[in-house]
């Protein structure tokens, strides 16, 4: 069993009392940071002991506010010191600028439609939550006892409630490797099946980039209008990208859940530090939300009881999955790579095969070396125009009397088809 946590955002009606509490908490965090740096303290317990008496004289709040402020300060200092070692830290010390509160469980009581904060002994602040159908599902599951509540966070606009659930991760016989690209997400399972999830993230990024350029030209003549439009379209872009990432992750997890596959993802830590291909290409590559997609896949999969592991992604697109030799571009297409051993395939499929091989729980590829020559290869399918534009229900098991794709077939899925497909499955509200 393992515990999975999912934070759900609730709205609330802002008030002067809540804002004053947020501002005081920010001051508490900065106070704790200064004292920790002066005394060279790095641990939570020592920092709490160091500042408690002076904190009590400065603020007349419940003691656990000091505990929460110390935890936040220690976390910020740890992150700042790590960045300082890499030469990326900003300023001489970390500073809490945004208004937020990370509340100790002793300070707050969650009651479904509201939360009650113990501000001072025998003085409470009640915040009524605003929620829709999505949040209501979590409230109902919490009332049934299926979910627990963790440490609640409050900012100027939202109340973030972390719901916790114990899940029993399966030990699958088959795995699916995910390769995230600019225009699609390619997945290869150890059965083997090849899936390709088409996305329009690149088009969204390009569209809003051009809109921002037009707004920037307006900034000299109408600076206030330019600032307002920039904020409007930037928020709209973020929301559309976030929506696409959720739908991509939901589609992948649904396929994996139906087939009982574990999920293999690329360990891309530090990848952005090595993107140096020129201004235009850098902008395109940095615009890929690969970590956001991976995090959504991970939490959705774990809630469904599917294990997720990360493997080293270095050279997965340049080494032969059969012999380990160096791949070269094939003459029949810029995306097709060929090895001296005779193996040839699409570079995204090759990357997924290498990820499968690097999974210690998967071991050697469970199919013969010529398996992808016998079935329709990705590149040949694309060249001959024989794509299988099948609905998701066919891919995940041939429901309604329809047959599922043959082993090795390339199935192209348009994530947009999922747009109105909601509430399917017993636990779909978690996704």
Foldseek 3Di string as FASTA:
>chain_A
DDKFKDKDKWWFDDDPVLQVVLVVLLVLLQVLLVQCVVVVNQDLVVSLVRCVVVVVVVDQWPSQSNSQSSVVNNVQQVVQVVCVVVVRHDDPTDHDDFGKGFGDPVQWDDDLQWIWGRTHVVDIDIIGTHDDPLSNVVSVCVVVVQWDWDTWMDGRTIIITMIMHDFAADQDLKAKEWDDDLAWIWIAMLVTAIEIEGDCLLVLVVVLVVVLVVLVVCCVVPVVVSVVVVVVSVVVSVVVVLVRLLLVLLLVLVLCLLVVHAYEYEDCPPVLVPDDDDDVVNVSVVSRPVVSSVVSNQSVNVVSNHHYDYFHQPCQLQAALPPRHGWDADPPDRQWIADPVGDIAGSSVSSRSNRQCRPPSNHRRPDDPCPLVVDPGPVNCVVVVPEAADDSCQCSQQPPPGHHDDRHHYHYYHSVVCVPPADPDDPRSVD
